[in-house]
Amino acid sequence: MSAESKKPPIFYGWWIVGVTFIANFMSNGMGFYGWNAFMQPLCAEHNWSRTAVNIAPSLAIIGKLTQPAFGRLVNRYGVKPLMLICACISCAAFAMMGQADSLWLFYLAATILYISNVGINGLVPNAAVSNWFVKYRGKALGISTSGISLSGALVPPLALFLLTRVSLANAYAIIALMSWVAIVFSTGFFMKNRPEQYGMHPDGIAPEPHPTEPGKFLNQAPALISNSKLVRTQAFWNIGFAYALMIPGVVGVMSQLKPRFNDIGFSSEKAMLMMAVTALIGSGGKIFWGWLCDRFDARKVVACAILCQIAGLLVLTTGKSIFILSTFIVLFGLGMGGVMSTIAVVTAEFFGRENFAKVYGYIALFLLSESAGFIMMGQSFDLFGSYNYAYIGFVIFYAIALVLMLTARRPRLQNNSD
């Protein structure tokens, strides 16, 4: 029997994509999109203001600070043990949030959630996918990260359904248990670190002596970048600050889109449906932008995604007719889908597969700015009774990010190490 006939029908890397899709789906349902369902019940049950509750998701900043450490842990121990341990801690912390009856306990549980979520969302799953793909990295990461937005289409409606039938604490506990089962079992059975450890190659393609595309670091010898070299690289700062300016708008708008639709007159059910459709379009957007990154300059692809978000927010501030809101949902949903899917693609494309975990860990520090999105939303509503002022701020951020992304220059990597 020939070697070709023994070749598995599905490249194992796609199983890795499936595992990371599940991890992204469940972790973002707990740590991000769930706020659409839980924000108003938390305020009502505990008599907390929206600004006070918004401090909890802003604590994700603490998790972001641990990303460089997680990058080193991935390189040392691999992906699987980190994902298993962090899944257990994250799910327990999420259940604790439902039991908290004081703000300090609520904030403590949220802090634990966001630190442990680093191991099942973002750097660690993206590192796993990047280990298995080079040529089809954009497509693979697009599918993997589409779980982030798809969670917004399914988890908040589920939470809203639970809240009509069980207590707030039990709704948290049920979602935590579902997340634990899904992540732990899929990771335990299917996660593997690198294809080379199992006699395979990235993309399922044998190595070639030279890159097949300009700017793609396909099958090159590892060019390890030192910390000192990295911080002197223009691309590192341009990419980092561009995403630092994009992420507040994504998290600010999407974490409280259902309350926004409530505030302008829609019922909870209709508001949740509209938010879910936005997230669903974002899920497709992640695959779409990732697919484009495999074919075109990633910088220009990201720029197009930014323009969609700017247009969507400008439309949202102009009124509340069905036509206006539908236009917003399509434009912003599609555009915001390109943020968390392309940051991994751009990092890997600019700095190479061997540098991914390390460089992504440092670039992720720029995403500390996401806390500003929650605070801007809370303050805009509490001070002015509307989120529109925060939306205008986000548009300004996006415009600056557009310039930074388009002017990023590819670094010239040389073999060096720390």
Protein backbone atom coordinates (compact mmCIF):
# COMPACT_ATOMS: atom_id res chain seq x y z
CA MET A 1 0.00 0.00 0.00
CA SER A 2 1.45 3.36 -1.01
CA ALA A 3 2.13 6.21 1.39
CA GLU A 4 -0.51 8.24 -0.40
CA SER A 5 -3.19 5.63 0.27
CA LYS A 6 -2.30 5.70 3.99
CA LYS A 7 -2.73 9.44 4.19
CA PRO A 8 -5.63 10.30 6.54
CA PRO A 9 -8.67 11.77 4.75
CA ILE A 10 -8.67 14.79 7.09
CA PHE A 11 -5.48 16.56 8.13
CA TYR A 12 -5.25 16.29 11.92
CA GLY A 13 -4.77 20.03 12.21
CA TRP A 14 -8.47 20.50 11.52
CA TRP A 15 -9.24 18.53 14.70
CA ILE A 16 -7.07 21.06 16.52
CA VAL A 17 -9.16 23.82 14.96
CA GLY A 18 -12.29 22.08 16.26
CA VAL A 19 -10.95 21.89 19.81
CA THR A 20 -9.90 25.54 19.83
CA PHE A 21 -13.26 26.53 18.33
CA ILE A 22 -14.99 24.93 21.32
CA ALA A 23 -12.60 26.60 23.78
CA ASN A 24 -13.10 30.01 22.17
CA PHE A 25 -16.87 29.47 22.12
CA MET A 26 -17.29 28.54 25.76
CA SER A 27 -14.67 30.86 27.26
CA ASN A 28 -16.06 33.91 25.49
CA GLY A 29 -19.58 32.96 26.45
CA MET A 30 -18.49 33.10 30.08
CA GLY A 31 -16.06 35.99 29.97
CA PHE A 32 -17.55 38.30 27.38
CA TYR A 33 -20.88 37.75 25.64
CA GLY A 34 -22.63 36.56 28.77
CA TRP A 35 -22.67 40.16 29.99
CA ASN A 36 -25.47 40.87 27.52
CA ALA A 37 -27.75 38.61 29.52
CA PHE A 38 -26.37 39.13 33.02
CA MET A 39 -25.72 42.90 33.08
CA GLN A 40 -29.25 44.08 33.86
CA PRO A 41 -30.21 41.18 36.22
CA LEU A 42 -27.03 41.79 38.24
CA CYS A 43 -27.88 45.48 38.57
CA ALA A 44 -31.46 44.71 39.56
CA GLU A 45 -30.71 41.92 42.05
CA HIS A 46 -27.87 43.65 43.87
CA ASN A 47 -28.77 47.30 43.23
CA TRP A 48 -25.43 47.85 41.48
CA SER A 49 -24.91 50.57 38.85
CA ARG A 50 -23.84 49.69 35.31
CA THR A 51 -20.50 51.40 35.92
CA ALA A 52 -19.95 49.21 39.01
CA VAL A 53 -20.79 46.02 37.12
CA ASN A 54 -18.63 47.12 34.16
CA ILE A 55 -15.59 47.15 36.41
CA ALA A 56 -15.76 43.33 36.46
CA PRO A 57 -15.20 42.74 32.72
CA SER A 58 -12.62 45.53 32.73
CA LEU A 59 -10.59 43.32 35.09
CA ALA A 60 -9.68 41.29 32.01
CA ILE A 61 -6.73 43.70 32.02
CA ILE A 62 -5.17 41.52 34.73
CA GLY A 63 -5.44 38.46 32.54
CA LYS A 64 -3.81 40.31 29.66
CA LEU A 65 -0.83 41.10 31.90
CA THR A 66 -0.16 37.37 32.24
CA GLN A 67 -0.02 36.70 28.48
CA PRO A 68 3.80 36.92 28.13
CA ALA A 69 4.09 34.36 30.92
CA PHE A 70 1.56 32.12 29.19
CA GLY A 71 3.57 32.48 25.97
CA ARG A 72 6.61 31.05 27.72
CA LEU A 73 4.54 28.30 29.36
CA VAL A 74 3.21 27.26 25.95
CA ASN A 75 6.74 26.97 24.59
CA ARG A 76 7.87 24.98 27.64
CA TYR A 77 4.94 22.68 28.43
CA GLY A 78 2.74 22.74 25.33
CA VAL A 79 -0.89 23.63 24.86
CA LYS A 80 -2.82 20.67 26.28
CA PRO A 81 -1.93 20.85 30.00
CA LEU A 82 -2.52 24.60 30.10
CA MET A 83 -5.93 24.31 28.50
CA LEU A 84 -7.05 21.51 30.84
CA ILE A 85 -5.97 23.26 34.03
CA CYS A 86 -7.25 26.67 33.01
CA ALA A 87 -10.61 25.28 31.89
CA CYS A 88 -11.24 23.87 35.37
CA ILE A 89 -10.30 27.13 37.08
CA SER A 90 -12.26 29.34 34.67
CA CYS A 91 -15.47 27.37 35.02
CA ALA A 92 -15.24 27.33 38.82
CA ALA A 93 -14.64 31.10 38.86
CA PHE A 94 -17.63 31.74 36.60
CA ALA A 95 -19.88 29.72 38.92
CA MET A 96 -18.50 31.77 41.85
CA MET A 97 -19.58 35.00 40.15
CA GLY A 98 -23.18 33.87 40.36
CA GLN A 99 -22.85 33.23 44.09
CA ALA A 100 -21.17 36.56 44.94
CA ASP A 101 -23.35 38.91 46.98
CA SER A 102 -20.85 41.75 47.31
CA LEU A 103 -18.88 43.65 44.71
CA TRP A 104 -15.47 42.69 46.08
CA LEU A 105 -16.32 38.96 45.88
CA PHE A 106 -17.74 39.49 42.40
CA TYR A 107 -14.57 41.28 41.30
CA LEU A 108 -12.36 38.57 42.83
CA ALA A 109 -14.18 35.81 40.95
CA ALA A 110 -14.01 37.84 37.74
CA THR A 111 -10.26 38.34 38.20
CA ILE A 112 -9.71 34.59 38.57
CA LEU A 113 -11.89 33.97 35.52
CA TYR A 114 -9.94 36.37 33.32
CA ILE A 115 -6.52 35.11 34.36
CA SER A 116 -7.42 31.47 33.75
CA ASN A 117 -9.27 32.33 30.53
CA VAL A 118 -5.91 33.19 28.95
CA GLY A 119 -5.27 29.45 28.83
CA ILE A 120 -8.45 28.67 26.85
CA ASN A 121 -8.99 31.83 24.84
CA GLY A 122 -6.64 33.88 22.70
CA LEU A 123 -2.94 33.15 23.01
CA VAL A 124 -2.97 29.44 23.87
CA PRO A 125 -5.60 28.23 21.34
CA ASN A 126 -4.13 30.54 18.68
CA ALA A 127 -0.67 29.12 19.35
CA ALA A 128 -2.05 25.60 18.87
CA VAL A 129 -3.57 26.49 15.49
CA SER A 130 -0.46 28.41 14.41
CA ASN A 131 1.66 25.34 15.21
CA TRP A 132 -0.39 23.25 12.79
CA PHE A 133 -0.92 25.70 9.92
CA VAL A 134 1.16 28.10 7.82
CA LYS A 135 -0.21 28.21 4.27
CA TYR A 136 -3.83 27.95 5.46
CA ARG A 137 -3.29 29.81 8.71
CA GLY A 138 -5.79 32.56 7.95
CA LYS A 139 -8.57 30.10 7.14
CA ALA A 140 -7.76 27.91 10.15
CA LEU A 141 -7.62 30.81 12.61
CA GLY A 142 -10.75 32.28 11.07
CA ILE A 143 -12.68 29.07 11.76
CA SER A 144 -11.16 28.68 15.23
CA THR A 145 -11.91 32.23 16.32
CA SER A 146 -15.38 32.16 14.78
CA GLY A 147 -16.29 30.38 18.00
CA ILE A 148 -15.80 33.72 19.76
CA SER A 149 -18.61 35.43 17.88
CA LEU A 150 -20.80 32.36 17.58
CA SER A 151 -20.89 32.26 21.37
CA GLY A 152 -22.51 35.67 21.20
CA ALA A 153 -25.27 34.24 19.04
CA LEU A 154 -26.00 31.28 21.31
CA VAL A 155 -24.77 31.74 24.89
CA PRO A 156 -26.63 34.98 25.80
CA PRO A 157 -29.99 33.66 24.51
CA LEU A 158 -29.34 30.49 26.51
CA ALA A 159 -28.55 32.57 29.59
CA LEU A 160 -31.69 34.66 29.08
CA PHE A 161 -33.74 31.44 28.81
CA LEU A 162 -32.19 30.12 32.03
CA LEU A 163 -32.81 33.38 33.86
CA THR A 164 -36.55 33.03 33.21
CA ARG A 165 -36.56 29.60 34.86
CA VAL A 166 -33.84 29.44 37.50
CA SER A 167 -32.07 31.85 39.82
CA LEU A 168 -29.18 34.07 38.75
CA ALA A 169 -26.74 31.87 40.67
CA ASN A 170 -28.02 28.67 39.07
CA ALA A 171 -27.87 30.17 35.58
CA TYR A 172 -24.17 30.92 36.15
CA ALA A 173 -23.60 27.40 37.49
CA ILE A 174 -25.31 25.64 34.57
CA ILE A 175 -23.29 27.54 31.96
CA ALA A 176 -20.08 26.88 33.94
CA LEU A 177 -20.78 23.14 33.99
CA MET A 178 -21.57 23.04 30.27
CA SER A 179 -18.34 24.90 29.52
CA TRP A 180 -16.26 22.57 31.68
CA VAL A 181 -17.61 19.43 30.01
CA ALA A 182 -17.15 20.79 26.48
CA ILE A 183 -13.61 22.14 26.89
CA VAL A 184 -12.11 19.43 29.09
CA PHE A 185 -13.40 16.49 27.08
CA SER A 186 -12.51 17.91 23.64
CA THR A 187 -9.06 19.03 24.80
CA GLY A 188 -8.34 15.81 26.65
CA PHE A 189 -9.16 13.58 23.69
CA PHE A 190 -7.94 15.56 20.68
CA MET A 191 -5.40 18.30 21.52
CA LYS A 192 -1.83 17.76 20.30
CA ASN A 193 0.93 20.35 20.36
CA ARG A 194 2.90 20.25 17.08
CA PRO A 195 2.59 18.17 13.90
CA GLU A 196 6.33 17.39 13.82
CA GLN A 197 5.97 15.43 17.08
CA TYR A 198 3.66 13.00 15.27
CA GLY A 199 5.51 12.69 11.96
CA MET A 200 3.38 15.30 10.21
CA HIS A 201 3.99 18.74 8.69
CA PRO A 202 2.09 22.05 8.98
CA ASP A 203 -0.94 22.11 6.65
CA GLY A 204 -0.22 18.44 5.89
CA ILE A 205 2.27 19.62 3.26
CA ALA A 206 5.88 18.41 3.07
CA PRO A 207 8.49 21.19 3.54
CA GLU A 208 9.72 23.23 0.59
CA PRO A 209 13.16 24.80 0.43
CA HIS A 210 11.87 28.34 -0.10
CA PRO A 211 8.78 30.42 0.72
CA THR A 212 6.03 30.07 -1.88
CA GLU A 213 4.62 33.56 -1.35
CA PRO A 214 6.30 36.90 -0.70
CA GLY A 215 5.87 37.89 2.90
CA LYS A 216 4.73 34.40 4.00
CA PHE A 217 7.27 32.65 6.19
CA LEU A 218 6.37 29.21 4.82
CA ASN A 219 8.88 26.45 5.67
CA GLN A 220 11.74 28.86 6.38
CA ALA A 221 14.34 27.97 8.98
CA PRO A 222 13.35 29.42 12.34
CA ALA A 223 14.37 33.07 12.73
CA LEU A 224 14.09 33.61 16.47
CA ILE A 225 13.73 37.23 17.52
CA SER A 226 15.17 38.56 20.76
CA ASN A 227 13.27 40.83 23.12
CA SER A 228 15.61 43.72 22.39
CA LYS A 229 15.14 43.26 18.64
CA LEU A 230 11.39 43.00 19.03
CA VAL A 231 10.95 46.29 20.86
CA ARG A 232 13.01 48.05 18.18
CA THR A 233 10.73 46.74 15.43
CA GLN A 234 8.31 49.29 13.98
CA ALA A 235 5.78 46.59 13.11
CA PHE A 236 5.53 45.48 16.75
CA TRP A 237 4.46 48.94 17.90
CA ASN A 238 2.21 49.68 14.92
CA ILE A 239 0.39 46.37 15.19
CA GLY A 240 0.17 46.57 18.97
CA PHE A 241 -1.25 50.10 19.08
CA ALA A 242 -3.60 49.43 16.15
CA TYR A 243 -5.26 46.56 17.97
CA ALA A 244 -5.12 48.49 21.25
CA LEU A 245 -7.32 51.10 19.60
CA MET A 246 -9.67 48.58 17.97
CA ILE A 247 -10.42 46.34 20.92
CA PRO A 248 -12.25 48.90 23.15
CA GLY A 249 -14.87 49.38 20.45
CA VAL A 250 -15.39 45.65 19.93
CA VAL A 251 -15.75 44.74 23.61
CA GLY A 252 -17.61 47.93 24.53
CA VAL A 253 -20.24 47.60 21.83
CA MET A 254 -20.72 43.85 21.81
CA SER A 255 -20.74 43.30 25.59
CA GLN A 256 -23.71 45.66 25.96
CA LEU A 257 -25.50 45.50 22.64
CA LYS A 258 -28.58 43.84 24.07
CA PRO A 259 -28.93 46.58 26.77
CA ARG A 260 -28.47 49.18 23.99
CA PHE A 261 -31.37 47.75 22.00
CA ASN A 262 -33.41 47.55 25.22
CA ASP A 263 -32.71 51.22 25.94
CA ILE A 264 -34.04 52.37 22.56
CA GLY A 265 -37.34 50.56 22.99
CA PHE A 266 -37.01 46.89 22.00
CA SER A 267 -38.18 44.06 24.24
CA SER A 268 -35.59 41.84 25.90
CA GLU A 269 -36.34 39.01 23.47
CA LYS A 270 -36.04 41.17 20.34
CA ALA A 271 -32.97 42.96 21.70
CA MET A 272 -31.26 39.64 22.42
CA LEU A 273 -32.15 38.33 18.96
CA MET A 274 -30.63 41.42 17.29
CA MET A 275 -27.47 41.08 19.37
CA ALA A 276 -27.27 37.38 18.50
CA VAL A 277 -27.58 38.12 14.78
CA THR A 278 -24.76 40.69 15.05
CA ALA A 279 -22.55 38.11 16.75
CA LEU A 280 -23.51 35.45 14.20
CA ILE A 281 -22.46 37.74 11.36
CA GLY A 282 -19.23 38.35 13.27
CA SER A 283 -18.64 34.61 13.40
CA GLY A 284 -18.90 34.43 9.62
CA GLY A 285 -16.77 37.55 9.39
CA LYS A 286 -13.91 35.83 11.20
CA ILE A 287 -13.81 33.09 8.60
CA PHE A 288 -14.20 35.64 5.78
CA TRP A 289 -11.37 37.93 6.92
CA GLY A 290 -9.11 34.96 7.70
CA TRP A 291 -9.73 33.57 4.21
CA LEU A 292 -8.85 36.94 2.70
CA CYS A 293 -5.61 37.09 4.72
CA ASP A 294 -4.45 33.89 2.99
CA ARG A 295 -4.83 35.66 -0.37
CA PHE A 296 -4.07 39.35 0.15
CA ASP A 297 -1.89 41.65 2.22
CA ALA A 298 -3.19 41.19 5.76
CA ARG A 299 -2.75 44.90 6.50
CA LYS A 300 -5.21 45.87 3.79
CA VAL A 301 -7.64 43.17 4.88
CA VAL A 302 -7.60 44.53 8.44
CA ALA A 303 -8.08 48.07 7.10
CA CYS A 304 -11.26 46.97 5.33
CA ALA A 305 -12.54 45.40 8.55
CA ILE A 306 -11.87 48.66 10.39
CA LEU A 307 -13.79 50.68 7.81
CA CYS A 308 -16.81 48.38 8.26
CA GLN A 309 -16.77 49.01 12.01
CA ILE A 310 -16.48 52.78 11.59
CA ALA A 311 -19.38 52.85 9.15
CA GLY A 312 -21.48 50.63 11.40
CA LEU A 313 -21.03 52.81 14.49
CA LEU A 314 -21.73 56.01 12.59
CA VAL A 315 -24.96 54.50 11.32
CA LEU A 316 -25.93 53.33 14.83
CA THR A 317 -25.75 56.86 16.24
CA THR A 318 -28.13 58.29 13.63
CA GLY A 319 -31.42 56.68 14.69
CA LYS A 320 -33.31 53.55 15.65
CA SER A 321 -35.33 52.53 12.61
CA ILE A 322 -35.19 48.90 11.50
CA PHE A 323 -33.29 49.90 8.34
CA ILE A 324 -30.63 51.79 10.32
CA LEU A 325 -30.23 49.01 12.89
CA SER A 326 -30.08 46.34 10.18
CA THR A 327 -27.35 48.28 8.40
CA PHE A 328 -25.42 48.58 11.65
CA ILE A 329 -25.79 44.88 12.41
CA VAL A 330 -24.38 43.85 9.02
CA LEU A 331 -21.54 46.39 8.87
CA PHE A 332 -20.35 46.25 12.45
CA GLY A 333 -20.96 42.52 12.81
CA LEU A 334 -18.89 41.76 9.73
CA GLY A 335 -16.13 44.22 10.67
CA MET A 336 -15.73 43.31 14.32
CA GLY A 337 -15.35 39.68 13.29
CA GLY A 338 -12.01 40.64 11.79
CA VAL A 339 -10.34 41.87 14.96
CA MET A 340 -9.58 38.79 17.06
CA SER A 341 -9.17 36.55 14.00
CA THR A 342 -6.65 38.78 12.22
CA ILE A 343 -4.45 39.70 15.18
CA ALA A 344 -3.16 36.14 15.28
CA VAL A 345 -2.76 35.99 11.49
CA VAL A 346 -0.88 39.30 11.36
CA THR A 347 1.40 38.32 14.25
CA ALA A 348 2.31 34.99 12.67
CA GLU A 349 2.72 36.50 9.20
CA PHE A 350 4.98 39.33 10.38
CA PHE A 351 7.09 37.41 12.91
CA GLY A 352 6.95 33.73 11.88
CA ARG A 353 5.61 30.50 13.30
CA GLU A 354 8.44 29.88 15.76
CA ASN A 355 8.06 33.35 17.27
CA PHE A 356 4.28 33.30 17.46
CA ALA A 357 3.64 32.41 21.12
CA LYS A 358 6.32 34.78 22.37
CA VAL A 359 5.44 37.77 20.18
CA TYR A 360 1.69 37.29 20.56
CA GLY A 361 2.16 37.26 24.32
CA TYR A 362 3.71 40.72 24.17
CA ILE A 363 1.32 42.12 21.56
CA ALA A 364 -1.56 40.91 23.72
CA LEU A 365 -0.41 43.37 26.39
CA PHE A 366 -1.68 46.12 24.13
CA LEU A 367 -5.15 44.62 24.49
CA LEU A 368 -5.17 45.84 28.09
CA SER A 369 -6.93 48.80 26.52
CA GLU A 370 -10.12 46.74 26.27
CA SER A 371 -10.90 47.85 29.82
CA ALA A 372 -11.37 51.36 28.45
CA GLY A 373 -14.24 50.06 26.32
CA PHE A 374 -16.21 48.86 29.35
CA ILE A 375 -15.54 52.01 31.34
CA MET A 376 -16.40 54.29 28.41
CA MET A 377 -19.70 52.47 27.92
CA GLY A 378 -20.61 52.61 31.60
CA GLN A 379 -19.70 56.26 32.00
CA SER A 380 -21.43 57.29 28.77
CA PHE A 381 -24.68 55.71 29.94
CA ASP A 382 -24.50 56.80 33.59
CA LEU A 383 -23.60 60.41 32.76
CA PHE A 384 -25.61 61.01 29.59
CA GLY A 385 -28.20 58.24 29.47
CA SER A 386 -26.88 56.99 26.12
CA TYR A 387 -24.00 54.96 24.71
CA ASN A 388 -23.62 57.32 21.72
CA TYR A 389 -20.77 59.31 23.27
CA ALA A 390 -18.77 56.12 23.74
CA TYR A 391 -19.50 55.11 20.14
CA ILE A 392 -18.06 58.38 18.81
CA GLY A 393 -14.95 57.82 20.89
CA PHE A 394 -14.57 54.37 19.39
CA VAL A 395 -14.84 55.78 15.85
CA ILE A 396 -11.89 58.10 16.56
CA PHE A 397 -9.88 55.16 17.90
CA TYR A 398 -10.64 53.10 14.79
CA ALA A 399 -9.53 55.90 12.47
CA ILE A 400 -6.11 56.09 14.14
CA ALA A 401 -5.81 52.28 14.07
CA LEU A 402 -6.45 52.32 10.33
CA VAL A 403 -3.43 54.55 9.72
CA LEU A 404 -1.18 52.51 12.02
CA MET A 405 -2.07 49.23 10.35
CA LEU A 406 -1.53 50.47 6.80
CA THR A 407 1.88 51.94 7.67
CA ALA A 408 3.22 48.82 9.46
CA ARG A 409 6.41 47.54 7.81
CA ARG A 410 7.40 43.90 7.71
CA PRO A 411 10.46 43.20 9.89
CA ARG A 412 13.58 41.58 8.50
CA LEU A 413 14.13 38.62 10.79
CA GLN A 414 17.56 37.24 11.50
CA ASN A 415 18.49 34.15 13.48
CA ASN A 416 19.03 35.37 17.00
CA SER A 417 17.76 34.46 20.45
CA ASP A 418 17.48 35.92 23.92
